[in-house]
Amino acid sequence: LALFECWSSSNNQNEMFYGDQVDKCYKC
């Protein structure tokens, strides 16, 4: 959640894939 908040407020959010910043991003 802390990483999400930081990513959401960044100026280059549309150039970063948030899923790369966390331990696990699951595909369903």
mmCIF file of all heavy atoms, coordinates in Angstrom:
data_MODEL
# 
_entry.id   MODEL 
# 
loop_
_atom_site.group_PDB 
_atom_site.id 
_atom_site.type_symbol 
_atom_site.label_atom_id 
_atom_site.label_alt_id 
_atom_site.label_comp_id 
_atom_site.label_asym_id 
_atom_site.label_entity_id 
_atom_site.label_seq_id 
_atom_site.pdbx_PDB_ins_code 
_atom_site.Cartn_x 
_atom_site.Cartn_y 
_atom_site.Cartn_z 
_atom_site.occupancy 
_atom_site.B_iso_or_equiv 
_atom_site.pdbx_formal_charge 
_atom_site.auth_seq_id 
_atom_site.auth_comp_id 
_atom_site.auth_asym_id 
_atom_site.auth_atom_id 
_atom_site.pdbx_PDB_model_num 
ATOM 1   N N   . LEU A 1 1  ? 0.832  -1.204  0.000   1.00 0.00 ? 1  LEU A N   1 
ATOM 2   C CA  . LEU A 1 1  ? 0.000  0.000   0.000   1.00 0.00 ? 1  LEU A CA  1 
ATOM 3   C C   . LEU A 1 1  ? 0.867  1.255   0.000   1.00 0.00 ? 1  LEU A C   1 
ATOM 4   O O   . LEU A 1 1  ? 0.553  2.252   -0.664  1.00 0.00 ? 1  LEU A O   1 
ATOM 5   C CB  . LEU A 1 1  ? -0.941 0.001   1.201   1.00 0.00 ? 1  LEU A CB  1 
ATOM 6   C CG  . LEU A 1 1  ? -2.082 -1.027  1.167   1.00 0.00 ? 1  LEU A CG  1 
ATOM 7   C CD1 . LEU A 1 1  ? -2.831 -1.032  2.495   1.00 0.00 ? 1  LEU A CD1 1 
ATOM 8   C CD2 . LEU A 1 1  ? -3.042 -0.734  0.018   1.00 0.00 ? 1  LEU A CD2 1 
ATOM 9   N N   . ALA A 1 2  ? 1.970  1.226   0.744   1.00 0.00 ? 2  ALA A N   1 
ATOM 10  C CA  . ALA A 1 2  ? 2.882  2.373   0.773   1.00 0.00 ? 2  ALA A CA  1 
ATOM 11  C C   . ALA A 1 2  ? 3.511  2.574   -0.605  1.00 0.00 ? 2  ALA A C   1 
ATOM 12  O O   . ALA A 1 2  ? 3.628  3.713   -1.094  1.00 0.00 ? 2  ALA A O   1 
ATOM 13  C CB  . ALA A 1 2  ? 3.957  2.164   1.834   1.00 0.00 ? 2  ALA A CB  1 
ATOM 14  N N   . LEU A 1 3  ? 3.920  1.488   -1.240  1.00 0.00 ? 3  LEU A N   1 
ATOM 15  C CA  . LEU A 1 3  ? 4.488  1.574   -2.585  1.00 0.00 ? 3  LEU A CA  1 
ATOM 16  C C   . LEU A 1 3  ? 3.442  2.068   -3.583  1.00 0.00 ? 3  LEU A C   1 
ATOM 17  O O   . LEU A 1 3  ? 3.752  2.860   -4.481  1.00 0.00 ? 3  LEU A O   1 
ATOM 18  C CB  . LEU A 1 3  ? 5.014  0.204   -3.017  1.00 0.00 ? 3  LEU A CB  1 
ATOM 19  C CG  . LEU A 1 3  ? 6.290  -0.290  -2.329  1.00 0.00 ? 3  LEU A CG  1 
ATOM 20  C CD1 . LEU A 1 3  ? 6.525  -1.757  -2.654  1.00 0.00 ? 3  LEU A CD1 1 
ATOM 21  C CD2 . LEU A 1 3  ? 7.491  0.551   -2.767  1.00 0.00 ? 3  LEU A CD2 1 
ATOM 22  N N   . PHE A 1 4  ? 2.207  1.603   -3.417  1.00 0.00 ? 4  PHE A N   1 
ATOM 23  C CA  . PHE A 1 4  ? 1.126  2.034   -4.314  1.00 0.00 ? 4  PHE A CA  1 
ATOM 24  C C   . PHE A 1 4  ? 0.886  3.533   -4.196  1.00 0.00 ? 4  PHE A C   1 
ATOM 25  O O   . PHE A 1 4  ? 0.719  4.234   -5.201  1.00 0.00 ? 4  PHE A O   1 
ATOM 26  C CB  . PHE A 1 4  ? -0.153 1.268   -3.978  1.00 0.00 ? 4  PHE A CB  1 
ATOM 27  C CG  . PHE A 1 4  ? -1.364 1.753   -4.733  1.00 0.00 ? 4  PHE A CG  1 
ATOM 28  C CD1 . PHE A 1 4  ? -1.561 1.394   -6.051  1.00 0.00 ? 4  PHE A CD1 1 
ATOM 29  C CD2 . PHE A 1 4  ? -2.296 2.582   -4.114  1.00 0.00 ? 4  PHE A CD2 1 
ATOM 30  C CE1 . PHE A 1 4  ? -2.669 1.848   -6.766  1.00 0.00 ? 4  PHE A CE1 1 
ATOM 31  C CE2 . PHE A 1 4  ? -3.406 3.042   -4.814  1.00 0.00 ? 4  PHE A CE2 1 
ATOM 32  C CZ  . PHE A 1 4  ? -3.592 2.671   -6.141  1.00 0.00 ? 4  PHE A CZ  1 
ATOM 33  N N   . GLU A 1 5  ? 0.889  4.027   -2.970  1.00 0.00 ? 5  GLU A N   1 
ATOM 34  C CA  . GLU A 1 5  ? 0.650  5.456   -2.754  1.00 0.00 ? 5  GLU A CA  1 
ATOM 35  C C   . GLU A 1 5  ? 1.767  6.281   -3.376  1.00 0.00 ? 5  GLU A C   1 
ATOM 36  O O   . GLU A 1 5  ? 1.524  7.325   -3.989  1.00 0.00 ? 5  GLU A O   1 
ATOM 37  C CB  . GLU A 1 5  ? 0.536  5.728   -1.254  1.00 0.00 ? 5  GLU A CB  1 
ATOM 38  C CG  . GLU A 1 5  ? -0.049 7.078   -0.923  1.00 0.00 ? 5  GLU A CG  1 
ATOM 39  C CD  . GLU A 1 5  ? -0.427 7.210   0.543   1.00 0.00 ? 5  GLU A CD  1 
ATOM 40  O OE1 . GLU A 1 5  ? -0.548 6.169   1.233   1.00 0.00 ? 5  GLU A OE1 1 
ATOM 41  O OE2 . GLU A 1 5  ? -0.617 8.361   0.991   1.00 0.00 ? 5  GLU A OE2 1 
ATOM 42  N N   . CYS A 1 6  ? 2.996  5.808   -3.236  1.00 0.00 ? 6  CYS A N   1 
ATOM 43  C CA  . CYS A 1 6  ? 4.143  6.515   -3.818  1.00 0.00 ? 6  CYS A CA  1 
ATOM 44  C C   . CYS A 1 6  ? 4.065  6.484   -5.338  1.00 0.00 ? 6  CYS A C   1 
ATOM 45  O O   . CYS A 1 6  ? 4.268  7.512   -6.000  1.00 0.00 ? 6  CYS A O   1 
ATOM 46  C CB  . CYS A 1 6  ? 5.439  5.870   -3.328  1.00 0.00 ? 6  CYS A CB  1 
ATOM 47  S SG  . CYS A 1 6  ? 6.934  6.664   -3.941  1.00 0.00 ? 6  CYS A SG  1 
ATOM 48  N N   . TRP A 1 7  ? 3.752  5.319   -5.896  1.00 0.00 ? 7  TRP A N   1 
ATOM 49  C CA  . TRP A 1 7  ? 3.643  5.181   -7.353  1.00 0.00 ? 7  TRP A CA  1 
ATOM 50  C C   . TRP A 1 7  ? 2.506  6.057   -7.900  1.00 0.00 ? 7  TRP A C   1 
ATOM 51  O O   . TRP A 1 7  ? 2.661  6.707   -8.935  1.00 0.00 ? 7  TRP A O   1 
ATOM 52  C CB  . TRP A 1 7  ? 3.387  3.713   -7.682  1.00 0.00 ? 7  TRP A CB  1 
ATOM 53  C CG  . TRP A 1 7  ? 3.031  3.424   -9.106  1.00 0.00 ? 7  TRP A CG  1 
ATOM 54  C CD1 . TRP A 1 7  ? 3.881  3.349   -10.182 1.00 0.00 ? 7  TRP A CD1 1 
ATOM 55  C CD2 . TRP A 1 7  ? 1.715  3.149   -9.621  1.00 0.00 ? 7  TRP A CD2 1 
ATOM 56  N NE1 . TRP A 1 7  ? 3.183  3.044   -11.315 1.00 0.00 ? 7  TRP A NE1 1 
ATOM 57  C CE2 . TRP A 1 7  ? 1.854  2.912   -11.006 1.00 0.00 ? 7  TRP A CE2 1 
ATOM 58  C CE3 . TRP A 1 7  ? 0.463  3.053   -9.042  1.00 0.00 ? 7  TRP A CE3 1 
ATOM 59  C CZ2 . TRP A 1 7  ? 0.758  2.605   -11.818 1.00 0.00 ? 7  TRP A CZ2 1 
ATOM 60  C CZ3 . TRP A 1 7  ? -0.624 2.757   -9.838  1.00 0.00 ? 7  TRP A CZ3 1 
ATOM 61  C CH2 . TRP A 1 7  ? -0.474 2.534   -11.214 1.00 0.00 ? 7  TRP A CH2 1 
ATOM 62  N N   . SER A 1 8  ? 1.375  6.078   -7.204  1.00 0.00 ? 8  SER A N   1 
ATOM 63  C CA  . SER A 1 8  ? 0.211  6.843   -7.665  1.00 0.00 ? 8  SER A CA  1 
ATOM 64  C C   . SER A 1 8  ? 0.484  8.343   -7.712  1.00 0.00 ? 8  SER A C   1 
ATOM 65  O O   . SER A 1 8  ? -0.119 9.064   -8.516  1.00 0.00 ? 8  SER A O   1 
ATOM 66  C CB  . SER A 1 8  ? -1.000 6.573   -6.761  1.00 0.00 ? 8  SER A CB  1 
ATOM 67  O OG  . SER A 1 8  ? -1.386 5.224   -6.813  1.00 0.00 ? 8  SER A OG  1 
ATOM 68  N N   . SER A 1 9  ? 1.354  8.813   -6.826  1.00 0.00 ? 9  SER A N   1 
ATOM 69  C CA  . SER A 1 9  ? 1.626  10.253  -6.754  1.00 0.00 ? 9  SER A CA  1 
ATOM 70  C C   . SER A 1 9  ? 2.861  10.662  -7.555  1.00 0.00 ? 9  SER A C   1 
ATOM 71  O O   . SER A 1 9  ? 3.226  11.838  -7.561  1.00 0.00 ? 9  SER A O   1 
ATOM 72  C CB  . SER A 1 9  ? 1.790  10.675  -5.289  1.00 0.00 ? 9  SER A CB  1 
ATOM 73  O OG  . SER A 1 9  ? 2.842  9.955   -4.675  1.00 0.00 ? 9  SER A OG  1 
ATOM 74  N N   . SER A 1 10 ? 3.506  9.712   -8.233  1.00 0.00 ? 10 SER A N   1 
ATOM 75  C CA  . SER A 1 10 ? 4.716  10.044  -8.989  1.00 0.00 ? 10 SER A CA  1 
ATOM 76  C C   . SER A 1 10 ? 4.366  10.745  -10.295 1.00 0.00 ? 10 SER A C   1 
ATOM 77  O O   . SER A 1 10 ? 3.290  10.538  -10.865 1.00 0.00 ? 10 SER A O   1 
ATOM 78  C CB  . SER A 1 10 ? 5.525  8.775   -9.282  1.00 0.00 ? 10 SER A CB  1 
ATOM 79  O OG  . SER A 1 10 ? 4.788  7.902   -10.120 1.00 0.00 ? 10 SER A OG  1 
ATOM 80  N N   . ASN A 1 11 ? 5.287  11.573  -10.774 1.00 0.00 ? 11 ASN A N   1 
ATOM 81  C CA  . ASN A 1 11 ? 5.049  12.318  -12.001 1.00 0.00 ? 11 ASN A CA  1 
ATOM 82  C C   . ASN A 1 11 ? 5.173  11.452  -13.249 1.00 0.00 ? 11 ASN A C   1 
ATOM 83  O O   . ASN A 1 11 ? 4.696  11.839  -14.316 1.00 0.00 ? 11 ASN A O   1 
ATOM 84  C CB  . ASN A 1 11 ? 6.031  13.488  -12.100 1.00 0.00 ? 11 ASN A CB  1 
ATOM 85  C CG  . ASN A 1 11 ? 5.774  14.547  -11.047 1.00 0.00 ? 11 ASN A CG  1 
ATOM 86  O OD1 . ASN A 1 11 ? 4.623  14.840  -10.731 1.00 0.00 ? 11 ASN A OD1 1 
ATOM 87  N ND2 . ASN A 1 11 ? 6.827  15.115  -10.484 1.00 0.00 ? 11 ASN A ND2 1 
ATOM 88  N N   . ASN A 1 12 ? 5.867  10.340  -13.137 1.00 0.00 ? 12 ASN A N   1 
ATOM 89  C CA  . ASN A 1 12 ? 6.051  9.471   -14.295 1.00 0.00 ? 12 ASN A CA  1 
ATOM 90  C C   . ASN A 1 12 ? 5.374  8.116   -14.084 1.00 0.00 ? 12 ASN A C   1 
ATOM 91  O O   . ASN A 1 12 ? 5.889  7.075   -14.485 1.00 0.00 ? 12 ASN A O   1 
ATOM 92  C CB  . ASN A 1 12 ? 7.535  9.291   -14.597 1.00 0.00 ? 12 ASN A CB  1 
ATOM 93  C CG  . ASN A 1 12 ? 8.311  8.787   -13.393 1.00 0.00 ? 12 ASN A CG  1 
ATOM 94  O OD1 . ASN A 1 12 ? 7.822  8.829   -12.267 1.00 0.00 ? 12 ASN A OD1 1 
ATOM 95  N ND2 . ASN A 1 12 ? 9.516  8.308   -13.619 1.00 0.00 ? 12 ASN A ND2 1 
ATOM 96  N N   . GLN A 1 13 ? 4.224  8.161   -13.475 1.00 0.00 ? 13 GLN A N   1 
ATOM 97  C CA  . GLN A 1 13 ? 3.466  6.942   -13.182 1.00 0.00 ? 13 GLN A CA  1 
ATOM 98  C C   . GLN A 1 13 ? 3.212  6.125   -14.436 1.00 0.00 ? 13 GLN A C   1 
ATOM 99  O O   . GLN A 1 13 ? 3.254  4.889   -14.411 1.00 0.00 ? 13 GLN A O   1 
ATOM 100 C CB  . GLN A 1 13 ? 2.144  7.310   -12.519 1.00 0.00 ? 13 GLN A CB  1 
ATOM 101 C CG  . GLN A 1 13 ? 1.235  6.140   -12.215 1.00 0.00 ? 13 GLN A CG  1 
ATOM 102 C CD  . GLN A 1 13 ? -0.116 6.582   -11.675 1.00 0.00 ? 13 GLN A CD  1 
ATOM 103 O OE1 . GLN A 1 13 ? -0.376 7.777   -11.536 1.00 0.00 ? 13 GLN A OE1 1 
ATOM 104 N NE2 . GLN A 1 13 ? -0.988 5.646   -11.379 1.00 0.00 ? 13 GLN A NE2 1 
ATOM 105 N N   . ASN A 1 14 ? 2.927  6.802   -15.564 1.00 0.00 ? 14 ASN A N   1 
ATOM 106 C CA  . ASN A 1 14 ? 2.585  6.080   -16.793 1.00 0.00 ? 14 ASN A CA  1 
ATOM 107 C C   . ASN A 1 14 ? 3.806  5.477   -17.476 1.00 0.00 ? 14 ASN A C   1 
ATOM 108 O O   . ASN A 1 14 ? 3.690  4.906   -18.556 1.00 0.00 ? 14 ASN A O   1 
ATOM 109 C CB  . ASN A 1 14 ? 1.844  7.006   -17.763 1.00 0.00 ? 14 ASN A CB  1 
ATOM 110 C CG  . ASN A 1 14 ? 2.694  8.177   -18.214 1.00 0.00 ? 14 ASN A CG  1 
ATOM 111 O OD1 . ASN A 1 14 ? 3.685  8.516   -17.558 1.00 0.00 ? 14 ASN A OD1 1 
ATOM 112 N ND2 . ASN A 1 14 ? 2.329  8.807   -19.316 1.00 0.00 ? 14 ASN A ND2 1 
ATOM 113 N N   . GLU A 1 15 ? 4.984  5.596   -16.835 1.00 0.00 ? 15 GLU A N   1 
ATOM 114 C CA  . GLU A 1 15 ? 6.193  4.980   -17.389 1.00 0.00 ? 15 GLU A CA  1 
ATOM 115 C C   . GLU A 1 15 ? 6.700  3.853   -16.494 1.00 0.00 ? 15 GLU A C   1 
ATOM 116 O O   . GLU A 1 15 ? 7.739  3.251   -16.780 1.00 0.00 ? 15 GLU A O   1 
ATOM 117 C CB  . GLU A 1 15 ? 7.293  6.041   -17.553 1.00 0.00 ? 15 GLU A CB  1 
ATOM 118 C CG  . GLU A 1 15 ? 6.932  7.132   -18.556 1.00 0.00 ? 15 GLU A CG  1 
ATOM 119 C CD  . GLU A 1 15 ? 7.951  8.246   -18.573 1.00 0.00 ? 15 GLU A CD  1 
ATOM 120 O OE1 . GLU A 1 15 ? 8.905  8.181   -17.761 1.00 0.00 ? 15 GLU A OE1 1 
ATOM 121 O OE2 . GLU A 1 15 ? 7.804  9.177   -19.377 1.00 0.00 ? 15 GLU A OE2 1 
ATOM 122 N N   . MET A 1 16 ? 5.987  3.578   -15.403 1.00 0.00 ? 16 MET A N   1 
ATOM 123 C CA  . MET A 1 16 ? 6.419  2.551   -14.462 1.00 0.00 ? 16 MET A CA  1 
ATOM 124 C C   . MET A 1 16 ? 5.314  1.518   -14.288 1.00 0.00 ? 16 MET A C   1 
ATOM 125 O O   . MET A 1 16 ? 4.150  1.876   -14.085 1.00 0.00 ? 16 MET A O   1 
ATOM 126 C CB  . MET A 1 16 ? 6.758  3.171   -13.104 1.00 0.00 ? 16 MET A CB  1 
ATOM 127 C CG  . MET A 1 16 ? 7.928  4.140   -13.133 1.00 0.00 ? 16 MET A CG  1 
ATOM 128 S SD  . MET A 1 16 ? 8.382  4.690   -11.463 1.00 0.00 ? 16 MET A SD  1 
ATOM 129 C CE  . MET A 1 16 ? 6.932  5.647   -11.020 1.00 0.00 ? 16 MET A CE  1 
ATOM 130 N N   . PHE A 1 17 ? 5.675  0.272   -14.340 1.00 0.00 ? 17 PHE A N   1 
ATOM 131 C CA  . PHE A 1 17 ? 4.720  -0.814  -14.115 1.00 0.00 ? 17 PHE A CA  1 
ATOM 132 C C   . PHE A 1 17 ? 4.748  -1.146  -12.630 1.00 0.00 ? 17 PHE A C   1 
ATOM 133 O O   . PHE A 1 17 ? 5.738  -1.679  -12.115 1.00 0.00 ? 17 PHE A O   1 
ATOM 134 C CB  . PHE A 1 17 ? 5.107  -2.032  -14.957 1.00 0.00 ? 17 PHE A CB  1 
ATOM 135 C CG  . PHE A 1 17 ? 4.106  -3.146  -14.889 1.00 0.00 ? 17 PHE A CG  1 
ATOM 136 C CD1 . PHE A 1 17 ? 2.842  -3.007  -15.442 1.00 0.00 ? 17 PHE A CD1 1 
ATOM 137 C CD2 . PHE A 1 17 ? 4.434  -4.353  -14.281 1.00 0.00 ? 17 PHE A CD2 1 
ATOM 138 C CE1 . PHE A 1 17 ? 1.920  -4.044  -15.390 1.00 0.00 ? 17 PHE A CE1 1 
ATOM 139 C CE2 . PHE A 1 17 ? 3.518  -5.393  -14.221 1.00 0.00 ? 17 PHE A CE2 1 
ATOM 140 C CZ  . PHE A 1 17 ? 2.257  -5.245  -14.773 1.00 0.00 ? 17 PHE A CZ  1 
ATOM 141 N N   . TYR A 1 18 ? 3.659  -0.825  -11.953 1.00 0.00 ? 18 TYR A N   1 
ATOM 142 C CA  . TYR A 1 18 ? 3.619  -0.998  -10.497 1.00 0.00 ? 18 TYR A CA  1 
ATOM 143 C C   . TYR A 1 18 ? 3.855  -2.446  -10.085 1.00 0.00 ? 18 TYR A C   1 
ATOM 144 O O   . TYR A 1 18 ? 4.444  -2.720  -9.032  1.00 0.00 ? 18 TYR A O   1 
ATOM 145 C CB  . TYR A 1 18 ? 2.271  -0.498  -9.954  1.00 0.00 ? 18 TYR A CB  1 
ATOM 146 C CG  . TYR A 1 18 ? 2.058  -0.823  -8.503  1.00 0.00 ? 18 TYR A CG  1 
ATOM 147 C CD1 . TYR A 1 18 ? 2.810  -0.195  -7.507  1.00 0.00 ? 18 TYR A CD1 1 
ATOM 148 C CD2 . TYR A 1 18 ? 1.123  -1.782  -8.120  1.00 0.00 ? 18 TYR A CD2 1 
ATOM 149 C CE1 . TYR A 1 18 ? 2.628  -0.512  -6.176  1.00 0.00 ? 18 TYR A CE1 1 
ATOM 150 C CE2 . TYR A 1 18 ? 0.935  -2.096  -6.786  1.00 0.00 ? 18 TYR A CE2 1 
ATOM 151 C CZ  . TYR A 1 18 ? 1.684  -1.460  -5.823  1.00 0.00 ? 18 TYR A CZ  1 
ATOM 152 O OH  . TYR A 1 18 ? 1.509  -1.785  -4.498  1.00 0.00 ? 18 TYR A OH  1 
ATOM 153 N N   . GLY A 1 19 ? 3.430  -3.380  -10.895 1.00 0.00 ? 19 GLY A N   1 
ATOM 154 C CA  . GLY A 1 19 ? 3.609  -4.793  -10.569 1.00 0.00 ? 19 GLY A CA  1 
ATOM 155 C C   . GLY A 1 19 ? 5.059  -5.194  -10.383 1.00 0.00 ? 19 GLY A C   1 
ATOM 156 O O   . GLY A 1 19 ? 5.358  -6.202  -9.727  1.00 0.00 ? 19 GLY A O   1 
ATOM 157 N N   . ASP A 1 20 ? 5.997  -4.419  -10.952 1.00 0.00 ? 20 ASP A N   1 
ATOM 158 C CA  . ASP A 1 20 ? 7.427  -4.714  -10.801 1.00 0.00 ? 20 ASP A CA  1 
ATOM 159 C C   . ASP A 1 20 ? 7.978  -4.262  -9.450  1.00 0.00 ? 20 ASP A C   1 
ATOM 160 O O   . ASP A 1 20 ? 9.099  -4.615  -9.094  1.00 0.00 ? 20 ASP A O   1 
ATOM 161 C CB  . ASP A 1 20 ? 8.229  -4.027  -11.912 1.00 0.00 ? 20 ASP A CB  1 
ATOM 162 C CG  . ASP A 1 20 ? 8.031  -4.690  -13.260 1.00 0.00 ? 20 ASP A CG  1 
ATOM 163 O OD1 . ASP A 1 20 ? 7.625  -5.874  -13.274 1.00 0.00 ? 20 ASP A OD1 1 
ATOM 164 O OD2 . ASP A 1 20 ? 8.269  -4.042  -14.291 1.00 0.00 ? 20 ASP A OD2 1 
ATOM 165 N N   . GLN A 1 21 ? 7.207  -3.470  -8.722  1.00 0.00 ? 21 GLN A N   1 
ATOM 166 C CA  . GLN A 1 21 ? 7.726  -2.880  -7.491  1.00 0.00 ? 21 GLN A CA  1 
ATOM 167 C C   . GLN A 1 21 ? 7.375  -3.693  -6.243  1.00 0.00 ? 21 GLN A C   1 
ATOM 168 O O   . GLN A 1 21 ? 7.846  -3.394  -5.151  1.00 0.00 ? 21 GLN A O   1 
ATOM 169 C CB  . GLN A 1 21 ? 7.191  -1.447  -7.342  1.00 0.00 ? 21 GLN A CB  1 
ATOM 170 C CG  . GLN A 1 21 ? 7.582  -0.539  -8.499  1.00 0.00 ? 21 GLN A CG  1 
ATOM 171 C CD  . GLN A 1 21 ? 7.100  0.883   -8.295  1.00 0.00 ? 21 GLN A CD  1 
ATOM 172 O OE1 . GLN A 1 21 ? 6.894  1.327   -7.179  1.00 0.00 ? 21 GLN A OE1 1 
ATOM 173 N NE2 . GLN A 1 21 ? 6.922  1.610   -9.388  1.00 0.00 ? 21 GLN A NE2 1 
ATOM 174 N N   . VAL A 1 22 ? 6.545  -4.711  -6.407  1.00 0.00 ? 22 VAL A N   1 
ATOM 175 C CA  . VAL A 1 22 ? 6.086  -5.476  -5.248  1.00 0.00 ? 22 VAL A CA  1 
ATOM 176 C C   . VAL A 1 22 ? 6.673  -6.893  -5.281  1.00 0.00 ? 22 VAL A C   1 
ATOM 177 O O   . VAL A 1 22 ? 7.257  -7.318  -6.283  1.00 0.00 ? 22 VAL A O   1 
ATOM 178 C CB  . VAL A 1 22 ? 4.547  -5.549  -5.215  1.00 0.00 ? 22 VAL A CB  1 
ATOM 179 C CG1 . VAL A 1 22 ? 3.958  -4.148  -5.115  1.00 0.00 ? 22 VAL A CG1 1 
ATOM 180 C CG2 . VAL A 1 22 ? 3.999  -6.252  -6.463  1.00 0.00 ? 22 VAL A CG2 1 
ATOM 181 N N   . ASP A 1 23 ? 6.502  -7.596  -4.164  1.00 0.00 ? 23 ASP A N   1 
ATOM 182 C CA  . ASP A 1 23 ? 7.071  -8.944  -4.082  1.00 0.00 ? 23 ASP A CA  1 
ATOM 183 C C   . ASP A 1 23 ? 6.405  -9.909  -5.046  1.00 0.00 ? 23 ASP A C   1 
ATOM 184 O O   . ASP A 1 23 ? 7.068  -10.702 -5.712  1.00 0.00 ? 23 ASP A O   1 
ATOM 185 C CB  . ASP A 1 23 ? 6.989  -9.468  -2.645  1.00 0.00 ? 23 ASP A CB  1 
ATOM 186 C CG  . ASP A 1 23 ? 5.574  -9.394  -2.079  1.00 0.00 ? 23 ASP A CG  1 
ATOM 187 O OD1 . ASP A 1 23 ? 4.717  -8.753  -2.714  1.00 0.00 ? 23 ASP A OD1 1 
ATOM 188 O OD2 . ASP A 1 23 ? 5.339  -9.969  -1.002  1.00 0.00 ? 23 ASP A OD2 1 
ATOM 189 N N   . LYS A 1 24 ? 5.064  -9.846  -5.143  1.00 0.00 ? 24 LYS A N   1 
ATOM 190 C CA  . LYS A 1 24 ? 4.352  -10.745 -6.047  1.00 0.00 ? 24 LYS A CA  1 
ATOM 191 C C   . LYS A 1 24 ? 3.149  -10.051 -6.680  1.00 0.00 ? 24 LYS A C   1 
ATOM 192 O O   . LYS A 1 24 ? 2.367  -9.381  -5.993  1.00 0.00 ? 24 LYS A O   1 
ATOM 193 C CB  . LYS A 1 24 ? 3.888  -12.006 -5.314  1.00 0.00 ? 24 LYS A CB  1 
ATOM 194 C CG  . LYS A 1 24 ? 4.973  -13.064 -5.148  1.00 0.00 ? 24 LYS A CG  1 
ATOM 195 C CD  . LYS A 1 24 ? 4.373  -14.412 -4.794  1.00 0.00 ? 24 LYS A CD  1 
ATOM 196 C CE  . LYS A 1 24 ? 5.441  -15.496 -4.751  1.00 0.00 ? 24 LYS A CE  1 
ATOM 197 N NZ  . LYS A 1 24 ? 4.860  -16.824 -4.480  1.00 0.00 ? 24 LYS A NZ  1 
ATOM 198 N N   . CYS A 1 25 ? 3.019  -10.240 -7.974  1.00 0.00 ? 25 CYS A N   1 
ATOM 199 C CA  . CYS A 1 25 ? 1.855  -9.767  -8.727  1.00 0.00 ? 25 CYS A CA  1 
ATOM 200 C C   . CYS A 1 25 ? 1.260  -10.994 -9.404  1.00 0.00 ? 25 CYS A C   1 
ATOM 201 O O   . CYS A 1 25 ? 1.883  -11.600 -10.281 1.00 0.00 ? 25 CYS A O   1 
ATOM 202 C CB  . CYS A 1 25 ? 2.280  -8.720  -9.754  1.00 0.00 ? 25 CYS A CB  1 
ATOM 203 S SG  . CYS A 1 25 ? 0.953  -8.157  -10.849 1.00 0.00 ? 25 CYS A SG  1 
ATOM 204 N N   . TYR A 1 26 ? 0.064  -11.390 -8.984  1.00 0.00 ? 26 TYR A N   1 
ATOM 205 C CA  . TYR A 1 26 ? -0.548 -12.628 -9.457  1.00 0.00 ? 26 TYR A CA  1 
ATOM 206 C C   . TYR A 1 26 ? -1.405 -12.382 -10.702 1.00 0.00 ? 26 TYR A C   1 
ATOM 207 O O   . TYR A 1 26 ? -2.061 -11.350 -10.823 1.00 0.00 ? 26 TYR A O   1 
ATOM 208 C CB  . TYR A 1 26 ? -1.432 -13.234 -8.371  1.00 0.00 ? 26 TYR A CB  1 
ATOM 209 C CG  . TYR A 1 26 ? -0.709 -13.564 -7.092  1.00 0.00 ? 26 TYR A CG  1 
ATOM 210 C CD1 . TYR A 1 26 ? -0.750 -12.699 -5.994  1.00 0.00 ? 26 TYR A CD1 1 
ATOM 211 C CD2 . TYR A 1 26 ? 0.035  -14.741 -6.974  1.00 0.00 ? 26 TYR A CD2 1 
ATOM 212 C CE1 . TYR A 1 26 ? -0.090 -12.999 -4.813  1.00 0.00 ? 26 TYR A CE1 1 
ATOM 213 C CE2 . TYR A 1 26 ? 0.699  -15.053 -5.795  1.00 0.00 ? 26 TYR A CE2 1 
ATOM 214 C CZ  . TYR A 1 26 ? 0.641  -14.181 -4.727  1.00 0.00 ? 26 TYR A CZ  1 
ATOM 215 O OH  . TYR A 1 26 ? 1.305  -14.477 -3.557  1.00 0.00 ? 26 TYR A OH  1 
ATOM 216 N N   . LYS A 1 27 ? -1.389 -13.359 -11.593 1.00 0.00 ? 27 LYS A N   1 
ATOM 217 C CA  . LYS A 1 27 ? -2.194 -13.283 -12.812 1.00 0.00 ? 27 LYS A CA  1 
ATOM 218 C C   . LYS A 1 27 ? -3.390 -14.215 -12.690 1.00 0.00 ? 27 LYS A C   1 
ATOM 219 O O   . LYS A 1 27 ? -3.241 -15.391 -12.359 1.00 0.00 ? 27 LYS A O   1 
ATOM 220 C CB  . LYS A 1 27 ? -1.346 -13.668 -14.023 1.00 0.00 ? 27 LYS A CB  1 
ATOM 221 C CG  . LYS A 1 27 ? -2.095 -13.634 -15.354 1.00 0.00 ? 27 LYS A CG  1 
ATOM 222 C CD  . LYS A 1 27 ? -1.166 -14.018 -16.495 1.00 0.00 ? 27 LYS A CD  1 
ATOM 223 C CE  . LYS A 1 27 ? -1.893 -14.052 -17.831 1.00 0.00 ? 27 LYS A CE  1 
ATOM 224 N NZ  . LYS A 1 27 ? -0.987 -14.426 -18.948 1.00 0.00 ? 27 LYS A NZ  1 
ATOM 225 N N   . CYS A 1 28 ? -4.583 -13.667 -12.975 1.00 0.00 ? 28 CYS A N   1 
ATOM 226 C CA  . CYS A 1 28 ? -5.816 -14.459 -12.858 1.00 0.00 ? 28 CYS A CA  1 
ATOM 227 C C   . CYS A 1 28 ? -6.676 -14.236 -14.103 1.00 0.00 ? 28 CYS A C   1 
ATOM 228 O O   . CYS A 1 28 ? -7.145 -13.118 -14.348 1.00 0.00 ? 28 CYS A O   1 
ATOM 229 C CB  . CYS A 1 28 ? -6.594 -14.050 -11.612 1.00 0.00 ? 28 CYS A CB  1 
ATOM 230 S SG  . CYS A 1 28 ? -8.162 -14.927 -11.387 1.00 0.00 ? 28 CYS A SG  1 
# 
